[in-house]
Amino acid sequence: MSDQTDPIAEAWRCLKELSADPSVRKIAEARDQARRELNAEINATREEARQKERREIARRALRQKLPIKTIKILTGLPLKEIKQLATSLTD
């Protein structure tokens, strides 16, 4: 297979040609930055949802009178946060 018909070689040649153009490179960098920001936002939203679910599990466990140490093991929440949730349930 010669380099002229090799799709990988052709893609590489095209990439080198495009990345030599500053305006194309700037567009590609902006697109990559936007993609990274979107991924970071998605990950942050997912983590926020996980934390919310952990707190809800802790609330349910507190209502069932499970020991705080057990709730900590089940949820991974810090003891301080679990105690705050317990206090908020009794208010």
PDB file of N, CA and C in Angstrom:
ATOM      1  N   MET A   1       0.846  -1.182   0.000  1.00  0.00           N
ATOM      2  CA  MET A   1       0.000   0.000   0.000  1.00  0.00           C
ATOM      3  C   MET A   1       0.894   1.248   0.000  1.00  0.00           C
ATOM      4  N   SER A   2       0.717   2.091  -0.982  1.00  0.00           N
ATOM      5  CA  SER A   2       1.545   3.286  -1.051  1.00  0.00           C
ATOM      6  C   SER A   2       0.963   4.381  -0.170  1.00  0.00           C
ATOM      7  N   ASP A   3       1.798   5.355   0.170  1.00  0.00           N
ATOM      8  CA  ASP A   3       1.361   6.453   1.026  1.00  0.00           C
ATOM      9  C   ASP A   3       0.256   7.280   0.378  1.00  0.00           C
ATOM     10  N   GLN A   4       0.194   7.316  -0.943  1.00  0.00           N
ATOM     11  CA  GLN A   4      -0.807   8.125  -1.636  1.00  0.00           C
ATOM     12  C   GLN A   4      -2.214   7.571  -1.456  1.00  0.00           C
ATOM     13  N   THR A   5      -2.362   6.268  -1.295  1.00  0.00           N
ATOM     14  CA  THR A   5      -3.687   5.673  -1.144  1.00  0.00           C
ATOM     15  C   THR A   5      -3.985   5.296   0.302  1.00  0.00           C
ATOM     16  N   ASP A   6      -3.015   5.429   1.164  1.00  0.00           N
ATOM     17  CA  ASP A   6      -3.197   5.075   2.576  1.00  0.00           C
ATOM     18  C   ASP A   6      -4.051   6.157   3.251  1.00  0.00           C
ATOM     19  N   PRO A   7      -5.247   5.809   3.754  1.00  0.00           N
ATOM     20  CA  PRO A   7      -6.115   6.813   4.371  1.00  0.00           C
ATOM     21  C   PRO A   7      -5.484   7.490   5.583  1.00  0.00           C
ATOM     22  N   ILE A   8      -4.695   6.770   6.340  1.00  0.00           N
ATOM     23  CA  ILE A   8      -4.042   7.358   7.510  1.00  0.00           C
ATOM     24  C   ILE A   8      -3.004   8.384   7.078  1.00  0.00           C
ATOM     25  N   ALA A   9      -2.233   8.049   6.064  1.00  0.00           N
ATOM     26  CA  ALA A   9      -1.233   8.988   5.558  1.00  0.00           C
ATOM     27  C   ALA A   9      -1.913  10.236   4.988  1.00  0.00           C
ATOM     28  N   GLU A  10      -3.028  10.043   4.293  1.00  0.00           N
ATOM     29  CA  GLU A  10      -3.765  11.178   3.732  1.00  0.00           C
ATOM     30  C   GLU A  10      -4.332  12.064   4.845  1.00  0.00           C
ATOM     31  N   ALA A  11      -4.880  11.433   5.889  1.00  0.00           N
ATOM     32  CA  ALA A  11      -5.412  12.195   7.021  1.00  0.00           C
ATOM     33  C   ALA A  11      -4.296  12.972   7.707  1.00  0.00           C
ATOM     34  N   TRP A  12      -3.137  12.355   7.856  1.00  0.00           N
ATOM     35  CA  TRP A  12      -1.997  13.011   8.492  1.00  0.00           C
ATOM     36  C   TRP A  12      -1.548  14.218   7.672  1.00  0.00           C
ATOM     37  N   ARG A  13      -1.496  14.048   6.353  1.00  0.00           N
ATOM     38  CA  ARG A  13      -1.100  15.145   5.469  1.00  0.00           C
ATOM     39  C   ARG A  13      -2.109  16.293   5.591  1.00  0.00           C
ATOM     40  N   CYS A  14      -3.382  15.951   5.619  1.00  0.00           N
ATOM     41  CA  CYS A  14      -4.426  16.962   5.731  1.00  0.00           C
ATOM     42  C   CYS A  14      -4.336  17.688   7.078  1.00  0.00           C
ATOM     43  N   LEU A  15      -4.091  16.942   8.135  1.00  0.00           N
ATOM     44  CA  LEU A  15      -3.954  17.539   9.463  1.00  0.00           C
ATOM     45  C   LEU A  15      -2.783  18.514   9.505  1.00  0.00           C
ATOM     46  N   LYS A  16      -1.650  18.111   8.959  1.00  0.00           N
ATOM     47  CA  LYS A  16      -0.487  19.004   8.948  1.00  0.00           C
ATOM     48  C   LYS A  16      -0.781  20.268   8.145  1.00  0.00           C
ATOM     49  N   GLU A  17      -1.479  20.111   7.033  1.00  0.00           N
ATOM     50  CA  GLU A  17      -1.812  21.251   6.191  1.00  0.00           C
ATOM     51  C   GLU A  17      -2.763  22.215   6.917  1.00  0.00           C
ATOM     52  N   LEU A  18      -3.790  21.668   7.550  1.00  0.00           N
ATOM     53  CA  LEU A  18      -4.753  22.512   8.252  1.00  0.00           C
ATOM     54  C   LEU A  18      -4.147  23.186   9.474  1.00  0.00           C
ATOM     55  N   SER A  19      -3.319  22.449  10.217  1.00  0.00           N
ATOM     56  CA  SER A  19      -2.756  23.039  11.424  1.00  0.00           C
ATOM     57  C   SER A  19      -1.694  24.090  11.119  1.00  0.00           C
ATOM     58  N   ALA A  20      -1.282  24.176   9.879  1.00  0.00           N
ATOM     59  CA  ALA A  20      -0.349  25.235   9.489  1.00  0.00           C
ATOM     60  C   ALA A  20      -1.087  26.569   9.308  1.00  0.00           C
ATOM     61  N   ASP A  21      -2.402  26.508   9.135  1.00  0.00           N
ATOM     62  CA  ASP A  21      -3.213  27.711   8.946  1.00  0.00           C
ATOM     63  C   ASP A  21      -3.623  28.242  10.329  1.00  0.00           C
ATOM     64  N   PRO A  22      -3.145  29.434  10.717  1.00  0.00           N
ATOM     65  CA  PRO A  22      -3.447  29.967  12.052  1.00  0.00           C
ATOM     66  C   PRO A  22      -4.941  30.121  12.338  1.00  0.00           C
ATOM     67  N   SER A  23      -5.725  30.519  11.354  1.00  0.00           N
ATOM     68  CA  SER A  23      -7.155  30.705  11.612  1.00  0.00           C
ATOM     69  C   SER A  23      -7.852  29.366  11.861  1.00  0.00           C
ATOM     70  N   VAL A  24      -7.468  28.341  11.127  1.00  0.00           N
ATOM     71  CA  VAL A  24      -8.044  27.008  11.329  1.00  0.00           C
ATOM     72  C   VAL A  24      -7.608  26.464  12.687  1.00  0.00           C
ATOM     73  N   ARG A  25      -6.340  26.686  13.021  1.00  0.00           N
ATOM     74  CA  ARG A  25      -5.838  26.220  14.315  1.00  0.00           C
ATOM     75  C   ARG A  25      -6.571  26.917  15.459  1.00  0.00           C
ATOM     76  N   LYS A  26      -6.838  28.216  15.298  1.00  0.00           N
ATOM     77  CA  LYS A  26      -7.554  28.971  16.338  1.00  0.00           C
ATOM     78  C   LYS A  26      -8.974  28.427  16.521  1.00  0.00           C
ATOM     79  N   ILE A  27      -9.643  28.119  15.426  1.00  0.00           N
ATOM     80  CA  ILE A  27     -10.989  27.537  15.492  1.00  0.00           C
ATOM     81  C   ILE A  27     -10.949  26.187  16.192  1.00  0.00           C
ATOM     82  N   ALA A  28      -9.977  25.364  15.836  1.00  0.00           N
ATOM     83  CA  ALA A  28      -9.854  24.034  16.446  1.00  0.00           C
ATOM     84  C   ALA A  28      -9.571  24.152  17.937  1.00  0.00           C
ATOM     85  N   GLU A  29      -8.717  25.082  18.321  1.00  0.00           N
ATOM     86  CA  GLU A  29      -8.408  25.271  19.739  1.00  0.00           C
ATOM     87  C   GLU A  29      -9.641  25.760  20.505  1.00  0.00           C
ATOM     88  N   ALA A  30     -10.410  26.656  19.899  1.00  0.00           N
ATOM     89  CA  ALA A  30     -11.629  27.150  20.544  1.00  0.00           C
ATOM     90  C   ALA A  30     -12.639  26.014  20.703  1.00  0.00           C
ATOM     91  N   ARG A  31     -12.762  25.183  19.684  1.00  0.00           N
ATOM     92  CA  ARG A  31     -13.677  24.040  19.751  1.00  0.00           C
ATOM     93  C   ARG A  31     -13.243  23.070  20.848  1.00  0.00           C
ATOM     94  N   ASP A  32     -11.936  22.806  20.924  1.00  0.00           N
ATOM     95  CA  ASP A  32     -11.419  21.910  21.960  1.00  0.00           C
ATOM     96  C   ASP A  32     -11.659  22.487  23.353  1.00  0.00           C
ATOM     97  N   GLN A  33     -11.458  23.785  23.499  1.00  0.00           N
ATOM     98  CA  GLN A  33     -11.689  24.444  24.789  1.00  0.00           C
ATOM     99  C   GLN A  33     -13.164  24.359  25.177  1.00  0.00           C
ATOM    100  N   ALA A  34     -14.039  24.594  24.220  1.00  0.00           N
ATOM    101  CA  ALA A  34     -15.476  24.507  24.485  1.00  0.00           C
ATOM    102  C   ALA A  34     -15.861  23.086  24.879  1.00  0.00           C
ATOM    103  N   ARG A  35     -15.271  22.107  24.212  1.00  0.00           N
ATOM    104  CA  ARG A  35     -15.547  20.704  24.528  1.00  0.00           C
ATOM    105  C   ARG A  35     -15.072  20.370  25.944  1.00  0.00           C
ATOM    106  N   ARG A  36     -13.882  20.862  26.310  1.00  0.00           N
ATOM    107  CA  ARG A  36     -13.363  20.615  27.671  1.00  0.00           C
ATOM    108  C   ARG A  36     -14.261  21.261  28.725  1.00  0.00           C
ATOM    109  N   GLU A  37     -14.710  22.489  28.457  1.00  0.00           N
ATOM    110  CA  GLU A  37     -15.598  23.189  29.401  1.00  0.00           C
ATOM    111  C   GLU A  37     -16.924  22.468  29.545  1.00  0.00           C
ATOM    112  N   LEU A  38     -17.472  21.992  28.430  1.00  0.00           N
ATOM    113  CA  LEU A  38     -18.726  21.251  28.484  1.00  0.00           C
ATOM    114  C   LEU A  38     -18.563  19.961  29.284  1.00  0.00           C
ATOM    115  N   ASN A  39     -17.476  19.247  29.039  1.00  0.00           N
ATOM    116  CA  ASN A  39     -17.221  18.013  29.787  1.00  0.00           C
ATOM    117  C   ASN A  39     -17.060  18.297  31.274  1.00  0.00           C
ATOM    118  N   ALA A  40     -16.383  19.373  31.617  1.00  0.00           N
ATOM    119  CA  ALA A  40     -16.212  19.729  33.031  1.00  0.00           C
ATOM    120  C   ALA A  40     -17.563  20.053  33.658  1.00  0.00           C
ATOM    121  N   GLU A  41     -18.411  20.755  32.919  1.00  0.00           N
ATOM    122  CA  GLU A  41     -19.742  21.100  33.428  1.00  0.00           C
ATOM    123  C   GLU A  41     -20.591  19.836  33.617  1.00  0.00           C
ATOM    124  N   ILE A  42     -20.519  18.940  32.659  1.00  0.00           N
ATOM    125  CA  ILE A  42     -21.257  17.671  32.767  1.00  0.00           C
ATOM    126  C   ILE A  42     -20.781  16.884  33.973  1.00  0.00           C
ATOM    127  N   ASN A  43     -19.473  16.782  34.149  1.00  0.00           N
ATOM    128  CA  ASN A  43     -18.925  16.049  35.291  1.00  0.00           C
ATOM    129  C   ASN A  43     -19.318  16.685  36.621  1.00  0.00           C
ATOM    130  N   ALA A  44     -19.306  18.008  36.673  1.00  0.00           N
ATOM    131  CA  ALA A  44     -19.703  18.697  37.903  1.00  0.00           C
ATOM    132  C   ALA A  44     -21.173  18.450  38.210  1.00  0.00           C
ATOM    133  N   THR A  45     -22.001  18.456  37.181  1.00  0.00           N
ATOM    134  CA  THR A  45     -23.429  18.198  37.365  1.00  0.00           C
ATOM    135  C   THR A  45     -23.666  16.774  37.841  1.00  0.00           C
ATOM    136  N   ARG A  46     -22.933  15.840  37.276  1.00  0.00           N
ATOM    137  CA  ARG A  46     -23.051  14.442  37.708  1.00  0.00           C
ATOM    138  C   ARG A  46     -22.649  14.286  39.170  1.00  0.00           C
ATOM    139  N   GLU A  47     -21.549  14.922  39.536  1.00  0.00           N
ATOM    140  CA  GLU A  47     -21.083  14.819  40.927  1.00  0.00           C
ATOM    141  C   GLU A  47     -22.087  15.454  41.877  1.00  0.00           C
ATOM    142  N   GLU A  48     -22.656  16.575  41.469  1.00  0.00           N
ATOM    143  CA  GLU A  48     -23.672  17.241  42.286  1.00  0.00           C
ATOM    144  C   GLU A  48     -24.879  16.313  42.486  1.00  0.00           C
ATOM    145  N   ALA A  49     -25.274  15.611  41.428  1.00  0.00           N
ATOM    146  CA  ALA A  49     -26.403  14.677  41.520  1.00  0.00           C
ATOM    147  C   ALA A  49     -26.054  13.507  42.445  1.00  0.00           C
ATOM    148  N   ARG A  50     -24.813  13.029  42.366  1.00  0.00           N
ATOM    149  CA  ARG A  50     -24.382  11.939  43.266  1.00  0.00           C
ATOM    150  C   ARG A  50     -24.425  12.384  44.726  1.00  0.00           C
ATOM    151  N   GLN A  51     -23.939  13.596  44.970  1.00  0.00           N
ATOM    152  CA  GLN A  51     -23.956  14.121  46.336  1.00  0.00           C
ATOM    153  C   GLN A  51     -25.385  14.269  46.856  1.00  0.00           C
ATOM    154  N   LYS A  52     -26.263  14.753  45.998  1.00  0.00           N
ATOM    155  CA  LYS A  52     -27.662  14.916  46.388  1.00  0.00           C
ATOM    156  C   LYS A  52     -28.263  13.552  46.744  1.00  0.00           C
ATOM    157  N   GLU A  53     -27.965  12.543  45.957  1.00  0.00           N
ATOM    158  CA  GLU A  53     -28.465  11.196  46.223  1.00  0.00           C
ATOM    159  C   GLU A  53     -27.883  10.635  47.526  1.00  0.00           C
ATOM    160  N   ARG A  54     -26.599  10.887  47.767  1.00  0.00           N
ATOM    161  CA  ARG A  54     -25.984  10.426  49.028  1.00  0.00           C
ATOM    162  C   ARG A  54     -26.678  11.062  50.234  1.00  0.00           C
ATOM    163  N   ARG A  55     -26.962  12.356  50.125  1.00  0.00           N
ATOM    164  CA  ARG A  55     -27.648  13.039  51.233  1.00  0.00           C
ATOM    165  C   ARG A  55     -29.058  12.481  51.437  1.00  0.00           C
ATOM    166  N   GLU A  56     -29.736  12.181  50.343  1.00  0.00           N
ATOM    167  CA  GLU A  56     -31.087  11.618  50.465  1.00  0.00           C
ATOM    168  C   GLU A  56     -31.037  10.226  51.103  1.00  0.00           C
ATOM    169  N   ILE A  57     -30.061   9.428  50.729  1.00  0.00           N
ATOM    170  CA  ILE A  57     -29.888   8.112  51.356  1.00  0.00           C
ATOM    171  C   ILE A  57     -29.622   8.280  52.845  1.00  0.00           C
ATOM    172  N   ALA A  58     -28.786   9.254  53.193  1.00  0.00           N
ATOM    173  CA  ALA A  58     -28.481   9.510  54.603  1.00  0.00           C
ATOM    174  C   ALA A  58     -29.742   9.920  55.356  1.00  0.00           C
ATOM    175  N   ARG A  59     -30.557  10.775  54.755  1.00  0.00           N
ATOM    176  CA  ARG A  59     -31.810  11.184  55.413  1.00  0.00           C
ATOM    177  C   ARG A  59     -32.714   9.976  55.667  1.00  0.00           C
ATOM    178  N   ARG A  60     -32.851   9.133  54.656  1.00  0.00           N
ATOM    179  CA  ARG A  60     -33.691   7.940  54.830  1.00  0.00           C
ATOM    180  C   ARG A  60     -33.141   7.042  55.928  1.00  0.00           C
ATOM    181  N   ALA A  61     -31.833   6.876  55.940  1.00  0.00           N
ATOM    182  CA  ALA A  61     -31.212   6.027  56.956  1.00  0.00           C
ATOM    183  C   ALA A  61     -31.393   6.629  58.346  1.00  0.00           C
ATOM    184  N   LEU A  62     -31.283   7.948  58.447  1.00  0.00           N
ATOM    185  CA  LEU A  62     -31.494   8.610  59.742  1.00  0.00           C
ATOM    186  C   LEU A  62     -32.930   8.423  60.215  1.00  0.00           C
ATOM    187  N   ARG A  63     -33.876   8.509  59.293  1.00  0.00           N
ATOM    188  CA  ARG A  63     -35.283   8.289  59.668  1.00  0.00           C
ATOM    189  C   ARG A  63     -35.523   6.865  60.163  1.00  0.00           C
ATOM    190  N   GLN A  64     -34.711   5.936  59.640  1.00  0.00           N
ATOM    191  CA  GLN A  64     -34.817   4.536  60.065  1.00  0.00           C
ATOM    192  C   GLN A  64     -33.988   4.255  61.313  1.00  0.00           C
ATOM    193  N   LYS A  65     -33.366   5.307  61.854  1.00  0.00           N
ATOM    194  CA  LYS A  65     -32.586   5.226  63.097  1.00  0.00           C
ATOM    195  C   LYS A  65     -31.322   4.367  62.963  1.00  0.00           C
ATOM    196  N   LEU A  66     -30.743   4.336  61.762  1.00  0.00           N
ATOM    197  CA  LEU A  66     -29.470   3.630  61.602  1.00  0.00           C
ATOM    198  C   LEU A  66     -28.364   4.427  62.297  1.00  0.00           C
ATOM    199  N   PRO A  67     -27.348   3.748  62.802  1.00  0.00           N
ATOM    200  CA  PRO A  67     -26.239   4.459  63.442  1.00  0.00           C
ATOM    201  C   PRO A  67     -25.518   5.377  62.436  1.00  0.00           C
ATOM    202  N   ILE A  68     -25.071   6.504  62.936  1.00  0.00           N
ATOM    203  CA  ILE A  68     -24.394   7.485  62.082  1.00  0.00           C
ATOM    204  C   ILE A  68     -23.154   6.886  61.425  1.00  0.00           C
ATOM    205  N   LYS A  69     -22.404   6.077  62.147  1.00  0.00           N
ATOM    206  CA  LYS A  69     -21.199   5.463  61.556  1.00  0.00           C
ATOM    207  C   LYS A  69     -21.570   4.546  60.390  1.00  0.00           C
ATOM    208  N   THR A  70     -22.691   3.854  60.503  1.00  0.00           N
ATOM    209  CA  THR A  70     -23.153   2.996  59.411  1.00  0.00           C
ATOM    210  C   THR A  70     -23.538   3.853  58.204  1.00  0.00           C
ATOM    211  N   ILE A  71     -24.205   4.949  58.466  1.00  0.00           N
ATOM    212  CA  ILE A  71     -24.604   5.855  57.385  1.00  0.00           C
ATOM    213  C   ILE A  71     -23.369   6.418  56.692  1.00  0.00           C
ATOM    214  N   LYS A  72     -22.350   6.734  57.465  1.00  0.00           N
ATOM    215  CA  LYS A  72     -21.094   7.241  56.892  1.00  0.00           C
ATOM    216  C   LYS A  72     -20.501   6.200  55.942  1.00  0.00           C
ATOM    217  N   ILE A  73     -20.500   4.949  56.361  1.00  0.00           N
ATOM    218  CA  ILE A  73     -19.955   3.884  55.519  1.00  0.00           C
ATOM    219  C   ILE A  73     -20.788   3.721  54.250  1.00  0.00           C
ATOM    220  N   LEU A  74     -22.095   3.761  54.392  1.00  0.00           N
ATOM    221  CA  LEU A  74     -22.984   3.560  53.246  1.00  0.00           C
ATOM    222  C   LEU A  74     -22.915   4.695  52.230  1.00  0.00           C
ATOM    223  N   THR A  75     -22.802   5.911  52.718  1.00  0.00           N
ATOM    224  CA  THR A  75     -22.892   7.068  51.821  1.00  0.00           C
ATOM    225  C   THR A  75     -21.548   7.694  51.465  1.00  0.00           C
ATOM    226  N   GLY A  76     -20.567   7.523  52.343  1.00  0.00           N
ATOM    227  CA  GLY A  76     -19.290   8.197  52.121  1.00  0.00           C
ATOM    228  C   GLY A  76     -19.309   9.660  52.532  1.00  0.00           C
ATOM    229  N   LEU A  77     -20.418  10.095  53.121  1.00  0.00           N
ATOM    230  CA  LEU A  77     -20.512  11.488  53.571  1.00  0.00           C
ATOM    231  C   LEU A  77     -19.699  11.671  54.853  1.00  0.00           C
ATOM    232  N   PRO A  78     -19.166  12.872  55.070  1.00  0.00           N
ATOM    233  CA  PRO A  78     -18.458  13.153  56.312  1.00  0.00           C
ATOM    234  C   PRO A  78     -19.421  13.125  57.505  1.00  0.00           C
ATOM    235  N   LEU A  79     -18.910  12.728  58.668  1.00  0.00           N
ATOM    236  CA  LEU A  79     -19.733  12.679  59.880  1.00  0.00           C
ATOM    237  C   LEU A  79     -20.403  14.018  60.159  1.00  0.00           C
ATOM    238  N   LYS A  80     -19.664  15.096  59.977  1.00  0.00           N
ATOM    239  CA  LYS A  80     -20.210  16.429  60.235  1.00  0.00           C
ATOM    240  C   LYS A  80     -21.465  16.683  59.398  1.00  0.00           C
ATOM    241  N   GLU A  81     -21.425  16.311  58.124  1.00  0.00           N
ATOM    242  CA  GLU A  81     -22.581  16.531  57.250  1.00  0.00           C
ATOM    243  C   GLU A  81     -23.764  15.652  57.671  1.00  0.00           C
ATOM    244  N   ILE A  82     -23.474  14.421  58.051  1.00  0.00           N
ATOM    245  CA  ILE A  82     -24.545  13.524  58.502  1.00  0.00           C
ATOM    246  C   ILE A  82     -25.184  14.065  59.770  1.00  0.00           C
ATOM    247  N   LYS A  83     -24.366  14.567  60.677  1.00  0.00           N
ATOM    248  CA  LYS A  83     -24.910  15.145  61.913  1.00  0.00           C
ATOM    249  C   LYS A  83     -25.760  16.376  61.612  1.00  0.00           C
ATOM    250  N   GLN A  84     -25.346  17.176  60.630  1.00  0.00           N
ATOM    251  CA  GLN A  84     -26.153  18.341  60.244  1.00  0.00           C
ATOM    252  C   GLN A  84     -27.492  17.897  59.654  1.00  0.00           C
ATOM    253  N   LEU A  85     -27.463  16.843  58.864  1.00  0.00           N
ATOM    254  CA  LEU A  85     -28.710  16.318  58.310  1.00  0.00           C
ATOM    255  C   LEU A  85     -29.612  15.805  59.421  1.00  0.00           C
ATOM    256  N   ALA A  86     -29.010  15.129  60.408  1.00  0.00           N
ATOM    257  CA  ALA A  86     -29.789  14.616  61.541  1.00  0.00           C
ATOM    258  C   ALA A  86     -30.436  15.755  62.302  1.00  0.00           C
ATOM    259  N   THR A  87     -29.685  16.826  62.501  1.00  0.00           N
ATOM    260  CA  THR A  87     -30.220  18.002  63.211  1.00  0.00           C
ATOM    261  C   THR A  87     -31.360  18.626  62.427  1.00  0.00           C
ATOM    262  N   SER A  88     -31.205  18.708  61.120  1.00  0.00           N
ATOM    263  CA  SER A  88     -32.249  19.328  60.283  1.00  0.00           C
ATOM    264  C   SER A  88     -33.526  18.491  60.272  1.00  0.00           C
ATOM    265  N   LEU A  89     -33.405  17.188  60.465  1.00  0.00           N
ATOM    266  CA  LEU A  89     -34.595  16.335  60.514  1.00  0.00           C
ATOM    267  C   LEU A  89     -35.367  16.498  61.802  1.00  0.00           C
ATOM    268  N   THR A  90     -34.677  16.845  62.887  1.00  0.00           N
ATOM    269  CA  THR A  90     -35.342  16.986  64.182  1.00  0.00           C
ATOM    270  C   THR A  90     -35.915  18.374  64.399  1.00  0.00           C
ATOM    271  N   ASP A  91     -35.519  19.331  63.558  1.00  0.00           N
ATOM    272  CA  ASP A  91     -36.022  20.709  63.700  1.00  0.00           C
ATOM    273  C   ASP A  91     -37.440  20.835  63.221  1.00  0.00           C
TER     274      ASP A  91
END
